[in-house]
PDB file of N, CA and C in Angstrom:
ATOM      1  N   MET A   1       0.902  -1.263  -0.075  1.00  0.00           N
ATOM      2  CA  MET A   1       0.030  -0.039   0.032  1.00  0.00           C
ATOM      3  C   MET A   1       0.892   1.198  -0.042  1.00  0.00           C
ATOM      4  N   ALA A   2       0.540   2.250  -0.759  1.00  0.00           N
ATOM      5  CA  ALA A   2       1.462   3.321  -0.911  1.00  0.00           C
ATOM      6  C   ALA A   2       0.688   4.562  -0.415  1.00  0.00           C
ATOM      7  N   GLY A   3      -0.104   4.539   0.668  1.00  0.00           N
ATOM      8  CA  GLY A   3      -0.755   5.640   1.116  1.00  0.00           C
ATOM      9  C   GLY A   3       0.088   6.415   2.193  1.00  0.00           C
ATOM     10  N   TRP A   4      -0.519   7.579   2.612  1.00  0.00           N
ATOM     11  CA  TRP A   4       0.174   8.321   3.647  1.00  0.00           C
ATOM     12  C   TRP A   4      -0.878   9.333   4.287  1.00  0.00           C
ATOM     13  N   ILE A   5      -0.649   9.657   5.430  1.00  0.00           N
ATOM     14  CA  ILE A   5      -1.363  10.654   6.120  1.00  0.00           C
ATOM     15  C   ILE A   5      -0.619  11.858   6.184  1.00  0.00           C
ATOM     16  N   PHE A   6      -1.209  12.986   5.908  1.00  0.00           N
ATOM     17  CA  PHE A   6      -0.359  14.329   5.901  1.00  0.00           C
ATOM     18  C   PHE A   6      -1.216  15.295   6.805  1.00  0.00           C
ATOM     19  N   TRP A   7      -0.552  16.114   7.578  1.00  0.00           N
ATOM     20  CA  TRP A   7      -1.204  17.281   8.302  1.00  0.00           C
ATOM     21  C   TRP A   7      -0.175  18.358   8.533  1.00  0.00           C
ATOM     22  N   ARG A   8      -0.689  19.478   8.999  1.00  0.00           N
ATOM     23  CA  ARG A   8       0.157  20.624   9.187  1.00  0.00           C
ATOM     24  C   ARG A   8      -0.050  20.977  10.652  1.00  0.00           C
ATOM     25  N   ARG A   9       1.046  21.251  11.351  1.00  0.00           N
ATOM     26  CA  ARG A   9       1.104  21.833  12.562  1.00  0.00           C
ATOM     27  C   ARG A   9       2.038  22.945  12.578  1.00  0.00           C
ATOM     28  N   SER A  10       3.135  22.984  13.374  1.00  0.00           N
ATOM     29  CA  SER A  10       4.197  24.015  13.144  1.00  0.00           C
ATOM     30  C   SER A  10       4.930  23.769  11.883  1.00  0.00           C
ATOM     31  N   HIS A  11       5.031  22.445  11.487  1.00  0.00           N
ATOM     32  CA  HIS A  11       5.647  22.161  10.179  1.00  0.00           C
ATOM     33  C   HIS A  11       5.011  20.964   9.575  1.00  0.00           C
ATOM     34  N   PRO A  12       4.997  20.725   8.272  1.00  0.00           N
ATOM     35  CA  PRO A  12       4.228  19.679   7.607  1.00  0.00           C
ATOM     36  C   PRO A  12       4.781  18.384   8.142  1.00  0.00           C
ATOM     37  N   GLN A  13       3.948  17.393   8.216  1.00  0.00           N
ATOM     38  CA  GLN A  13       4.246  15.999   8.675  1.00  0.00           C
ATOM     39  C   GLN A  13       3.553  15.038   7.766  1.00  0.00           C
ATOM     40  N   ARG A  14       4.404  13.980   7.395  1.00  0.00           N
ATOM     41  CA  ARG A  14       3.866  12.983   6.599  1.00  0.00           C
ATOM     42  C   ARG A  14       4.181  11.596   7.191  1.00  0.00           C
ATOM     43  N   VAL A  15       3.104  10.707   7.442  1.00  0.00           N
ATOM     44  CA  VAL A  15       3.305   9.401   7.931  1.00  0.00           C
ATOM     45  C   VAL A  15       2.842   8.418   6.813  1.00  0.00           C
ATOM     46  N   ARG A  16       3.687   7.456   6.436  1.00  0.00           N
ATOM     47  CA  ARG A  16       3.302   6.476   5.537  1.00  0.00           C
ATOM     48  C   ARG A  16       2.531   5.442   6.105  1.00  0.00           C
ATOM     49  N   VAL A  17       1.554   4.889   5.248  1.00  0.00           N
ATOM     50  CA  VAL A  17       0.707   3.889   5.883  1.00  0.00           C
ATOM     51  C   VAL A  17       1.181   2.611   5.139  1.00  0.00           C
ATOM     52  N   ARG A  18       1.678   1.586   5.941  1.00  0.00           N
ATOM     53  CA  ARG A  18       2.050   0.303   5.450  1.00  0.00           C
ATOM     54  C   ARG A  18       1.005  -0.632   4.976  1.00  0.00           C
ATOM     55  N   ARG A  19      -0.162  -0.693   5.757  1.00  0.00           N
ATOM     56  CA  ARG A  19      -1.187  -1.489   5.250  1.00  0.00           C
ATOM     57  C   ARG A  19      -2.474  -1.122   6.126  1.00  0.00           C
ATOM     58  N   ALA A  20      -3.520  -1.654   5.682  1.00  0.00           N
ATOM     59  CA  ALA A  20      -4.742  -1.503   6.364  1.00  0.00           C
ATOM     60  C   ALA A  20      -5.574  -2.832   6.038  1.00  0.00           C
ATOM     61  N   HIS A  21      -6.013  -3.461   7.163  1.00  0.00           N
ATOM     62  CA  HIS A  21      -6.644  -4.746   6.907  1.00  0.00           C
ATOM     63  C   HIS A  21      -7.630  -4.851   8.030  1.00  0.00           C
ATOM     64  N   LEU A  22      -8.531  -5.863   7.764  1.00  0.00           N
ATOM     65  CA  LEU A  22      -9.704  -6.227   8.723  1.00  0.00           C
ATOM     66  C   LEU A  22      -9.206  -7.453   9.618  1.00  0.00           C
ATOM     67  N   GLU A  23      -9.527  -7.269  10.910  1.00  0.00           N
ATOM     68  CA  GLU A  23      -9.366  -8.462  11.755  1.00  0.00           C
ATOM     69  C   GLU A  23     -10.658  -8.578  12.555  1.00  0.00           C
ATOM     70  N   GLU A  24     -10.702  -9.667  13.414  1.00  0.00           N
ATOM     71  CA  GLU A  24     -11.928  -9.859  14.266  1.00  0.00           C
ATOM     72  C   GLU A  24     -11.365  -9.613  15.710  1.00  0.00           C
ATOM     73  N   ASP A  25     -12.358  -8.881  16.461  1.00  0.00           N
ATOM     74  CA  ASP A  25     -11.999  -8.762  17.870  1.00  0.00           C
ATOM     75  C   ASP A  25     -12.117 -10.023  18.676  1.00  0.00           C
ATOM     76  N   THR A  26     -11.397 -10.281  19.612  1.00  0.00           N
ATOM     77  CA  THR A  26     -11.595 -11.575  20.310  1.00  0.00           C
ATOM     78  C   THR A  26     -12.213 -11.256  21.566  1.00  0.00           C
ATOM     79  N   ALA A  27     -12.001 -10.202  22.331  1.00  0.00           N
ATOM     80  CA  ALA A  27     -12.563  -9.928  23.559  1.00  0.00           C
ATOM     81  C   ALA A  27     -12.161  -8.462  24.030  1.00  0.00           C
ATOM     82  N   LYS A  28     -12.753  -8.037  25.274  1.00  0.00           N
ATOM     83  CA  LYS A  28     -12.457  -6.788  25.712  1.00  0.00           C
ATOM     84  C   LYS A  28     -11.896  -7.026  27.125  1.00  0.00           C
ATOM     85  N   LEU A  29     -10.640  -6.449  27.377  1.00  0.00           N
ATOM     86  CA  LEU A  29     -10.111  -6.695  28.687  1.00  0.00           C
ATOM     87  C   LEU A  29     -10.457  -5.481  29.498  1.00  0.00           C
ATOM     88  N   SER A  30     -10.735  -5.574  30.760  1.00  0.00           N
ATOM     89  CA  SER A  30     -10.925  -4.503  31.791  1.00  0.00           C
ATOM     90  C   SER A  30     -10.213  -4.856  33.066  1.00  0.00           C
ATOM     91  N   HIS A  31      -9.697  -3.919  33.685  1.00  0.00           N
ATOM     92  CA  HIS A  31      -8.909  -4.209  34.907  1.00  0.00           C
ATOM     93  C   HIS A  31      -9.584  -3.660  36.120  1.00  0.00           C
ATOM     94  N   GLN A  32      -9.810  -4.459  37.186  1.00  0.00           N
ATOM     95  CA  GLN A  32     -10.364  -4.018  38.369  1.00  0.00           C
ATOM     96  C   GLN A  32      -9.297  -4.445  39.502  1.00  0.00           C
ATOM     97  N   GLY A  33      -8.661  -3.422  39.999  1.00  0.00           N
ATOM     98  CA  GLY A  33      -7.582  -3.805  41.070  1.00  0.00           C
ATOM     99  C   GLY A  33      -6.535  -4.632  40.448  1.00  0.00           C
ATOM    100  N   ASN A  34      -6.337  -5.737  41.070  1.00  0.00           N
ATOM    101  CA  ASN A  34      -5.306  -6.680  40.587  1.00  0.00           C
ATOM    102  C   ASN A  34      -5.905  -7.818  39.742  1.00  0.00           C
ATOM    103  N   HIS A  35      -7.146  -7.596  39.221  1.00  0.00           N
ATOM    104  CA  HIS A  35      -7.866  -8.637  38.414  1.00  0.00           C
ATOM    105  C   HIS A  35      -8.014  -8.091  36.925  1.00  0.00           C
ATOM    106  N   ALA A  36      -7.796  -8.970  36.020  1.00  0.00           N
ATOM    107  CA  ALA A  36      -8.188  -8.637  34.699  1.00  0.00           C
ATOM    108  C   ALA A  36      -9.458  -9.459  34.336  1.00  0.00           C
ATOM    109  N   LEU A  37     -10.384  -8.697  33.767  1.00  0.00           N
ATOM    110  CA  LEU A  37     -11.637  -9.444  33.442  1.00  0.00           C
ATOM    111  C   LEU A  37     -11.726  -9.480  31.908  1.00  0.00           C
ATOM    112  N   VAL A  38     -12.181 -10.468  31.328  1.00  0.00           N
ATOM    113  CA  VAL A  38     -12.347 -10.703  29.954  1.00  0.00           C
ATOM    114  C   VAL A  38     -13.822 -10.859  29.576  1.00  0.00           C
ATOM    115  N   ASP A  39     -14.178 -10.020  28.579  1.00  0.00           N
ATOM    116  CA  ASP A  39     -15.595  -9.936  28.134  1.00  0.00           C
ATOM    117  C   ASP A  39     -15.582 -10.373  26.617  1.00  0.00           C
ATOM    118  N   TYR A  40     -16.191 -11.570  26.455  1.00  0.00           N
ATOM    119  CA  TYR A  40     -16.227 -12.204  25.118  1.00  0.00           C
ATOM    120  C   TYR A  40     -17.327 -11.703  24.221  1.00  0.00           C
ATOM    121  N   ASN A  41     -18.165 -10.799  24.761  1.00  0.00           N
ATOM    122  CA  ASN A  41     -19.271 -10.199  23.856  1.00  0.00           C
ATOM    123  C   ASN A  41     -18.922  -9.565  22.724  1.00  0.00           C
ATOM    124  N   ARG A  42     -17.678  -9.152  22.560  1.00  0.00           N
ATOM    125  CA  ARG A  42     -17.161  -8.464  21.436  1.00  0.00           C
ATOM    126  C   ARG A  42     -16.527  -9.431  20.432  1.00  0.00           C
ATOM    127  N   ALA A  43     -16.506 -10.687  20.737  1.00  0.00           N
ATOM    128  CA  ALA A  43     -15.850 -11.730  19.794  1.00  0.00           C
ATOM    129  C   ALA A  43     -16.522 -11.599  18.492  1.00  0.00           C
ATOM    130  N   GLY A  44     -15.695 -11.607  17.432  1.00  0.00           N
ATOM    131  CA  GLY A  44     -16.174 -11.707  16.076  1.00  0.00           C
ATOM    132  C   GLY A  44     -16.627 -10.368  15.482  1.00  0.00           C
ATOM    133  N   VAL A  45     -16.455  -9.195  16.326  1.00  0.00           N
ATOM    134  CA  VAL A  45     -16.704  -7.891  15.800  1.00  0.00           C
ATOM    135  C   VAL A  45     -15.524  -7.589  14.850  1.00  0.00           C
ATOM    136  N   PRO A  46     -15.818  -6.945  13.545  1.00  0.00           N
ATOM    137  CA  PRO A  46     -14.692  -6.605  12.744  1.00  0.00           C
ATOM    138  C   PRO A  46     -13.962  -5.385  13.243  1.00  0.00           C
ATOM    139  N   LEU A  47     -12.683  -5.386  13.007  1.00  0.00           N
ATOM    140  CA  LEU A  47     -11.801  -4.397  13.428  1.00  0.00           C
ATOM    141  C   LEU A  47     -10.953  -4.021  12.154  1.00  0.00           C
ATOM    142  N   LEU A  48     -10.685  -2.588  11.951  1.00  0.00           N
ATOM    143  CA  LEU A  48      -9.856  -2.192  10.989  1.00  0.00           C
ATOM    144  C   LEU A  48      -8.560  -1.805  11.553  1.00  0.00           C
ATOM    145  N   GLU A  49      -7.483  -2.442  11.205  1.00  0.00           N
ATOM    146  CA  GLU A  49      -6.173  -2.122  11.698  1.00  0.00           C
ATOM    147  C   GLU A  49      -5.410  -1.450  10.634  1.00  0.00           C
ATOM    148  N   ILE A  50      -4.887  -0.285  10.981  1.00  0.00           N
ATOM    149  CA  ILE A  50      -4.032   0.591  10.168  1.00  0.00           C
ATOM    150  C   ILE A  50      -2.630   0.642  10.702  1.00  0.00           C
ATOM    151  N   VAL A  51      -1.651   0.121   9.808  1.00  0.00           N
ATOM    152  CA  VAL A  51      -0.342   0.030  10.276  1.00  0.00           C
ATOM    153  C   VAL A  51       0.470   1.044   9.694  1.00  0.00           C
ATOM    154  N   SER A  52       1.194   1.920  10.393  1.00  0.00           N
ATOM    155  CA  SER A  52       1.890   2.975   9.775  1.00  0.00           C
ATOM    156  C   SER A  52       3.368   2.716   9.819  1.00  0.00           C
ATOM    157  N   GLU A  53       4.120   3.270   9.013  1.00  0.00           N
ATOM    158  CA  GLU A  53       5.639   3.288   9.059  1.00  0.00           C
ATOM    159  C   GLU A  53       6.214   3.951  10.170  1.00  0.00           C
ATOM    160  N   PRO A  54       7.449   3.791  10.633  1.00  0.00           N
ATOM    161  CA  PRO A  54       8.070   4.447  11.776  1.00  0.00           C
ATOM    162  C   PRO A  54       8.442   5.891  11.507  1.00  0.00           C
ATOM    163  N   ASP A  55       7.517   6.743  10.976  1.00  0.00           N
ATOM    164  CA  ASP A  55       7.858   8.087  10.633  1.00  0.00           C
ATOM    165  C   ASP A  55       7.620   9.199  11.719  1.00  0.00           C
ATOM    166  N   MET A  56       7.186   8.614  12.819  1.00  0.00           N
ATOM    167  CA  MET A  56       6.918   9.659  13.955  1.00  0.00           C
ATOM    168  C   MET A  56       7.916   9.521  15.070  1.00  0.00           C
ATOM    169  N   HIS A  57       8.511  10.731  15.365  1.00  0.00           N
ATOM    170  CA  HIS A  57       9.655  10.676  16.224  1.00  0.00           C
ATOM    171  C   HIS A  57       9.485  11.453  17.560  1.00  0.00           C
ATOM    172  N   THR A  58       8.291  11.862  17.703  1.00  0.00           N
ATOM    173  CA  THR A  58       7.891  12.643  19.095  1.00  0.00           C
ATOM    174  C   THR A  58       6.546  12.278  19.395  1.00  0.00           C
ATOM    175  N   VAL A  59       6.357  12.405  20.763  1.00  0.00           N
ATOM    176  CA  VAL A  59       4.956  12.187  21.252  1.00  0.00           C
ATOM    177  C   VAL A  59       3.935  13.060  20.569  1.00  0.00           C
ATOM    178  N   GLU A  60       4.339  14.272  20.305  1.00  0.00           N
ATOM    179  CA  GLU A  60       3.403  15.208  19.665  1.00  0.00           C
ATOM    180  C   GLU A  60       3.094  14.715  18.312  1.00  0.00           C
ATOM    181  N   ALA A  61       3.972  14.157  17.544  1.00  0.00           N
ATOM    182  CA  ALA A  61       3.659  13.637  16.233  1.00  0.00           C
ATOM    183  C   ALA A  61       2.719  12.468  16.283  1.00  0.00           C
ATOM    184  N   ALA A  62       2.996  11.516  17.283  1.00  0.00           N
ATOM    185  CA  ALA A  62       2.029  10.463  17.460  1.00  0.00           C
ATOM    186  C   ALA A  62       0.624  10.954  17.783  1.00  0.00           C
ATOM    187  N   LEU A  63       0.550  11.935  18.647  1.00  0.00           N
ATOM    188  CA  LEU A  63      -0.751  12.405  19.027  1.00  0.00           C
ATOM    189  C   LEU A  63      -1.502  13.122  17.839  1.00  0.00           C
ATOM    190  N   ALA A  64      -0.703  13.821  17.083  1.00  0.00           N
ATOM    191  CA  ALA A  64      -1.241  14.411  15.860  1.00  0.00           C
ATOM    192  C   ALA A  64      -1.797  13.357  14.837  1.00  0.00           C
ATOM    193  N   TYR A  65      -0.939  12.347  14.614  1.00  0.00           N
ATOM    194  CA  TYR A  65      -1.344  11.267  13.767  1.00  0.00           C
ATOM    195  C   TYR A  65      -2.581  10.591  14.168  1.00  0.00           C
ATOM    196  N   ALA A  66      -2.606  10.246  15.564  1.00  0.00           N
ATOM    197  CA  ALA A  66      -3.873   9.523  16.071  1.00  0.00           C
ATOM    198  C   ALA A  66      -5.076  10.446  15.962  1.00  0.00           C
ATOM    199  N   THR A  67      -4.919  11.675  16.184  1.00  0.00           N
ATOM    200  CA  THR A  67      -6.020  12.693  16.131  1.00  0.00           C
ATOM    201  C   THR A  67      -6.530  12.771  14.598  1.00  0.00           C
ATOM    202  N   LYS A  68      -5.563  12.805  13.722  1.00  0.00           N
ATOM    203  CA  LYS A  68      -5.966  12.932  12.298  1.00  0.00           C
ATOM    204  C   LYS A  68      -6.686  11.761  11.780  1.00  0.00           C
ATOM    205  N   ILE A  69      -6.188  10.467  12.198  1.00  0.00           N
ATOM    206  CA  ILE A  69      -6.798   9.264  11.809  1.00  0.00           C
ATOM    207  C   ILE A  69      -8.291   9.144  12.288  1.00  0.00           C
ATOM    208  N   ARG A  70      -8.391   9.584  13.572  1.00  0.00           N
ATOM    209  CA  ARG A  70      -9.716   9.611  14.243  1.00  0.00           C
ATOM    210  C   ARG A  70     -10.628  10.613  13.526  1.00  0.00           C
ATOM    211  N   ALA A  71     -10.176  11.682  13.091  1.00  0.00           N
ATOM    212  CA  ALA A  71     -10.942  12.729  12.397  1.00  0.00           C
ATOM    213  C   ALA A  71     -11.363  12.297  10.987  1.00  0.00           C
ATOM    214  N   ILE A  72     -10.418  11.545  10.376  1.00  0.00           N
ATOM    215  CA  ILE A  72     -10.849  10.919   9.086  1.00  0.00           C
ATOM    216  C   ILE A  72     -11.968   9.819   9.142  1.00  0.00           C
ATOM    217  N   LEU A  73     -11.801   8.910  10.208  1.00  0.00           N
ATOM    218  CA  LEU A  73     -12.813   7.964  10.282  1.00  0.00           C
ATOM    219  C   LEU A  73     -14.106   8.458  10.764  1.00  0.00           C
ATOM    220  N   ARG A  74     -14.274   9.488  11.608  1.00  0.00           N
ATOM    221  CA  ARG A  74     -15.389  10.152  11.915  1.00  0.00           C
ATOM    222  C   ARG A  74     -16.039  10.942  10.671  1.00  0.00           C
ATOM    223  N   TYR A  75     -15.210  11.718   9.901  1.00  0.00           N
ATOM    224  CA  TYR A  75     -15.678  12.373   8.781  1.00  0.00           C
ATOM    225  C   TYR A  75     -16.440  11.459   7.749  1.00  0.00           C
ATOM    226  N   LEU A  76     -15.728  10.296   7.552  1.00  0.00           N
ATOM    227  CA  LEU A  76     -16.271   9.229   6.653  1.00  0.00           C
ATOM    228  C   LEU A  76     -17.551   8.545   7.163  1.00  0.00           C
ATOM    229  N   GLY A  77     -17.733   8.725   8.432  1.00  0.00           N
ATOM    230  CA  GLY A  77     -18.999   8.049   9.011  1.00  0.00           C
ATOM    231  C   GLY A  77     -18.753   6.571   9.291  1.00  0.00           C
ATOM    232  N   VAL A  78     -17.535   6.098   9.305  1.00  0.00           N
ATOM    233  CA  VAL A  78     -17.282   4.679   9.561  1.00  0.00           C
ATOM    234  C   VAL A  78     -16.934   4.342  10.902  1.00  0.00           C
ATOM    235  N   ASN A  79     -16.811   5.407  11.811  1.00  0.00           N
ATOM    236  CA  ASN A  79     -16.432   5.218  13.174  1.00  0.00           C
ATOM    237  C   ASN A  79     -16.893   6.335  13.998  1.00  0.00           C
ATOM    238  N   SER A  80     -17.448   6.133  15.181  1.00  0.00           N
ATOM    239  CA  SER A  80     -17.788   7.370  16.058  1.00  0.00           C
ATOM    240  C   SER A  80     -16.668   7.901  16.711  1.00  0.00           C
ATOM    241  N   GLY A  81     -15.489   7.230  16.814  1.00  0.00           N
ATOM    242  CA  GLY A  81     -14.319   7.685  17.412  1.00  0.00           C
ATOM    243  C   GLY A  81     -14.411   7.810  18.938  1.00  0.00           C
ATOM    244  N   ASP A  82     -15.393   7.035  19.568  1.00  0.00           N
ATOM    245  CA  ASP A  82     -15.601   7.119  21.010  1.00  0.00           C
ATOM    246  C   ASP A  82     -14.532   6.010  21.633  1.00  0.00           C
ATOM    247  N   MET A  83     -13.292   6.471  21.869  1.00  0.00           N
ATOM    248  CA  MET A  83     -12.376   5.586  22.471  1.00  0.00           C
ATOM    249  C   MET A  83     -12.635   5.067  23.780  1.00  0.00           C
ATOM    250  N   GLU A  84     -13.366   5.874  24.663  1.00  0.00           N
ATOM    251  CA  GLU A  84     -13.781   5.436  25.918  1.00  0.00           C
ATOM    252  C   GLU A  84     -14.717   4.309  25.888  1.00  0.00           C
ATOM    253  N   LYS A  85     -15.436   4.063  24.722  1.00  0.00           N
ATOM    254  CA  LYS A  85     -16.354   2.929  24.536  1.00  0.00           C
ATOM    255  C   LYS A  85     -15.747   1.778  23.921  1.00  0.00           C
ATOM    256  N   GLY A  86     -14.437   2.004  23.496  1.00  0.00           N
ATOM    257  CA  GLY A  86     -13.709   0.883  22.850  1.00  0.00           C
ATOM    258  C   GLY A  86     -13.962   0.722  21.355  1.00  0.00           C
ATOM    259  N   VAL A  87     -14.575   1.639  20.705  1.00  0.00           N
ATOM    260  CA  VAL A  87     -14.793   1.461  19.303  1.00  0.00           C
ATOM    261  C   VAL A  87     -13.575   2.028  18.524  1.00  0.00           C
ATOM    262  N   LEU A  88     -12.567   2.555  19.172  1.00  0.00           N
ATOM    263  CA  LEU A  88     -11.308   2.980  18.499  1.00  0.00           C
ATOM    264  C   LEU A  88     -10.168   2.806  19.514  1.00  0.00           C
ATOM    265  N   ARG A  89      -9.176   2.218  19.085  1.00  0.00           N
ATOM    266  CA  ARG A  89      -7.944   2.074  19.980  1.00  0.00           C
ATOM    267  C   ARG A  89      -6.754   2.276  19.163  1.00  0.00           C
ATOM    268  N   PHE A  90      -5.766   2.808  19.886  1.00  0.00           N
ATOM    269  CA  PHE A  90      -4.364   3.046  19.283  1.00  0.00           C
ATOM    270  C   PHE A  90      -3.407   2.222  20.025  1.00  0.00           C
ATOM    271  N   GLU A  91      -2.454   1.698  19.397  1.00  0.00           N
ATOM    272  CA  GLU A  91      -1.362   0.940  20.008  1.00  0.00           C
ATOM    273  C   GLU A  91      -0.049   1.468  19.347  1.00  0.00           C
ATOM    274  N   ALA A  92       0.936   1.771  20.203  1.00  0.00           N
ATOM    275  CA  ALA A  92       2.177   2.294  19.694  1.00  0.00           C
ATOM    276  C   ALA A  92       3.331   1.348  19.837  1.00  0.00           C
ATOM    277  N   ASN A  93       4.148   1.224  18.946  1.00  0.00           N
ATOM    278  CA  ASN A  93       5.461   0.503  19.007  1.00  0.00           C
ATOM    279  C   ASN A  93       6.481   1.608  19.184  1.00  0.00           C
ATOM    280  N   VAL A  94       7.145   1.592  20.363  1.00  0.00           N
ATOM    281  CA  VAL A  94       8.145   2.592  20.644  1.00  0.00           C
ATOM    282  C   VAL A  94       9.541   2.079  20.746  1.00  0.00           C
ATOM    283  N   SER A  95      10.503   2.638  20.048  1.00  0.00           N
ATOM    284  CA  SER A  95      11.851   2.453  20.117  1.00  0.00           C
ATOM    285  C   SER A  95      12.669   3.620  20.488  1.00  0.00           C
ATOM    286  N   VAL A  96      13.452   3.642  21.406  1.00  0.00           N
ATOM    287  CA  VAL A  96      14.213   4.696  21.876  1.00  0.00           C
ATOM    288  C   VAL A  96      15.586   4.717  21.201  1.00  0.00           C
ATOM    289  N   ARG A  97      15.872   5.891  20.670  1.00  0.00           N
ATOM    290  CA  ARG A  97      17.258   6.120  20.168  1.00  0.00           C
ATOM    291  C   ARG A  97      17.994   7.153  20.921  1.00  0.00           C
ATOM    292  N   PRO A  98      19.151   6.758  21.506  1.00  0.00           N
ATOM    293  CA  PRO A  98      19.893   7.700  22.179  1.00  0.00           C
ATOM    294  C   PRO A  98      20.339   8.884  21.374  1.00  0.00           C
ATOM    295  N   ALA A  99      20.359  10.060  21.957  1.00  0.00           N
ATOM    296  CA  ALA A  99      20.786  11.292  21.220  1.00  0.00           C
ATOM    297  C   ALA A  99      22.075  11.088  20.457  1.00  0.00           C
ATOM    298  N   GLY A 100      22.103  11.368  19.296  1.00  0.00           N
ATOM    299  CA  GLY A 100      23.322  11.360  18.458  1.00  0.00           C
ATOM    300  C   GLY A 100      23.568   9.948  17.781  1.00  0.00           C
ATOM    301  N   SER A 101      22.684   9.100  18.166  1.00  0.00           N
ATOM    302  CA  SER A 101      22.922   7.625  17.562  1.00  0.00           C
ATOM    303  C   SER A 101      21.829   7.383  16.482  1.00  0.00           C
ATOM    304  N   THR A 102      22.171   6.495  15.629  1.00  0.00           N
ATOM    305  CA  THR A 102      21.213   6.101  14.594  1.00  0.00           C
ATOM    306  C   THR A 102      20.563   4.685  14.842  1.00  0.00           C
ATOM    307  N   GLU A 103      21.078   4.120  15.928  1.00  0.00           N
ATOM    308  CA  GLU A 103      20.593   2.763  16.313  1.00  0.00           C
ATOM    309  C   GLU A 103      19.459   2.898  17.226  1.00  0.00           C
ATOM    310  N   LEU A 104      18.346   2.163  16.893  1.00  0.00           N
ATOM    311  CA  LEU A 104      17.173   2.093  17.684  1.00  0.00           C
ATOM    312  C   LEU A 104      17.330   0.963  18.692  1.00  0.00           C
ATOM    313  N   ARG A 105      16.784   1.227  19.948  1.00  0.00           N
ATOM    314  CA  ARG A 105      16.862   0.157  20.994  1.00  0.00           C
ATOM    315  C   ARG A 105      15.522  -0.792  20.831  1.00  0.00           C
ATOM    316  N   THR A 106      15.399  -1.687  21.726  1.00  0.00           N
ATOM    317  CA  THR A 106      14.350  -2.734  21.544  1.00  0.00           C
ATOM    318  C   THR A 106      12.957  -2.000  21.501  1.00  0.00           C
ATOM    319  N   ARG A 107      12.225  -2.542  20.617  1.00  0.00           N
ATOM    320  CA  ARG A 107      10.841  -1.941  20.385  1.00  0.00           C
ATOM    321  C   ARG A 107       9.924  -2.589  21.401  1.00  0.00           C
ATOM    322  N   THR A 108       9.054  -1.683  22.030  1.00  0.00           N
ATOM    323  CA  THR A 108       8.129  -2.052  22.978  1.00  0.00           C
ATOM    324  C   THR A 108       6.797  -1.637  22.559  1.00  0.00           C
ATOM    325  N   GLU A 109       5.799  -2.492  22.696  1.00  0.00           N
ATOM    326  CA  GLU A 109       4.401  -2.225  22.316  1.00  0.00           C
ATOM    327  C   GLU A 109       3.663  -1.617  23.484  1.00  0.00           C
ATOM    328  N   ILE A 110       3.009  -0.523  23.369  1.00  0.00           N
ATOM    329  CA  ILE A 110       2.171   0.093  24.338  1.00  0.00           C
ATOM    330  C   ILE A 110       0.594  -0.253  23.747  1.00  0.00           C
ATOM    331  N   LYS A 111      -0.086  -0.872  24.521  1.00  0.00           N
ATOM    332  CA  LYS A 111      -1.422  -1.295  23.931  1.00  0.00           C
ATOM    333  C   LYS A 111      -2.555  -0.468  24.668  1.00  0.00           C
ATOM    334  N   GLU A 112      -3.642  -0.326  23.889  1.00  0.00           N
ATOM    335  CA  GLU A 112      -4.823   0.219  24.380  1.00  0.00           C
ATOM    336  C   GLU A 112      -4.730   1.719  24.824  1.00  0.00           C
ATOM    337  N   LEU A 113      -4.233   2.567  24.088  1.00  0.00           N
ATOM    338  CA  LEU A 113      -4.157   3.935  24.383  1.00  0.00           C
ATOM    339  C   LEU A 113      -5.640   4.482  24.136  1.00  0.00           C
ATOM    340  N   GLU A 114      -6.380   4.635  25.233  1.00  0.00           N
ATOM    341  CA  GLU A 114      -7.843   4.722  25.028  1.00  0.00           C
ATOM    342  C   GLU A 114      -8.424   6.161  25.207  1.00  0.00           C
ATOM    343  N   GLN A 115      -7.581   7.093  25.471  1.00  0.00           N
ATOM    344  CA  GLN A 115      -8.204   8.340  25.886  1.00  0.00           C
ATOM    345  C   GLN A 115      -7.783   9.567  24.822  1.00  0.00           C
ATOM    346  N   PHE A 116      -8.585  10.406  24.615  1.00  0.00           N
ATOM    347  CA  PHE A 116      -8.282  11.732  23.896  1.00  0.00           C
ATOM    348  C   PHE A 116      -8.787  12.745  24.701  1.00  0.00           C
ATOM    349  N   PRO A 117      -8.322  13.868  24.668  1.00  0.00           N
ATOM    350  CA  PRO A 117      -7.124  14.229  23.791  1.00  0.00           C
ATOM    351  C   PRO A 117      -5.762  13.853  24.137  1.00  0.00           C
ATOM    352  N   ARG A 118      -5.495  13.140  25.143  1.00  0.00           N
ATOM    353  CA  ARG A 118      -4.208  12.849  25.655  1.00  0.00           C
ATOM    354  C   ARG A 118      -3.857  11.363  25.721  1.00  0.00           C
ATOM    355  N   PRO A 119      -3.818  10.672  24.514  1.00  0.00           N
ATOM    356  CA  PRO A 119      -3.380   9.244  24.522  1.00  0.00           C
ATOM    357  C   PRO A 119      -1.864   9.200  24.683  1.00  0.00           C
ATOM    358  N   ASP A 120      -1.240  10.300  24.734  1.00  0.00           N
ATOM    359  CA  ASP A 120       0.195  10.414  24.771  1.00  0.00           C
ATOM    360  C   ASP A 120       0.696  10.266  26.151  1.00  0.00           C
ATOM    361  N   ALA A 121      -0.129  10.285  27.166  1.00  0.00           N
ATOM    362  CA  ALA A 121       0.299  10.256  28.592  1.00  0.00           C
ATOM    363  C   ALA A 121       1.190   8.976  28.819  1.00  0.00           C
ATOM    364  N   ARG A 122       0.673   7.913  28.381  1.00  0.00           N
ATOM    365  CA  ARG A 122       1.565   6.571  28.678  1.00  0.00           C
ATOM    366  C   ARG A 122       2.907   6.539  27.788  1.00  0.00           C
ATOM    367  N   LEU A 123       2.860   7.269  26.687  1.00  0.00           N
ATOM    368  CA  LEU A 123       4.091   7.397  25.943  1.00  0.00           C
ATOM    369  C   LEU A 123       5.235   8.172  26.599  1.00  0.00           C
ATOM    370  N   CYS A 124       4.800   8.985  27.509  1.00  0.00           N
ATOM    371  CA  CYS A 124       5.818   9.904  28.152  1.00  0.00           C
ATOM    372  C   CYS A 124       6.512   9.260  29.299  1.00  0.00           C
ATOM    373  N   LEU A 125       6.025   8.063  29.684  1.00  0.00           N
ATOM    374  CA  LEU A 125       6.653   7.420  30.778  1.00  0.00           C
ATOM    375  C   LEU A 125       8.071   6.992  30.696  1.00  0.00           C
TER     376      LEU A 125
END
């Protein structure tokens, strides 16, 4: 797929889209204290997964990208964008590169960034 998402903030930003495909939701996890609860009522619900290239280098760029994707899906009428209800989720793969280095360290996946306008809070840890 040769698509990309483009937006303007203080300077133009372009993020390449590697692929978009449909998956099926398996369940919804919720946490109460030290317990994880699994709700299988969502099993089989179709999910659209959009995979981007590693073109974002700051928390602000990741937030702007997530905000733009959400706005596009809402504009097209294919998603309400209600992250708190679980109809839209973002997951980030983060690799840290020391200042002055070209080598990325181990990639870590941060799952279920569920809140707007600040899904970046967990990225700042």
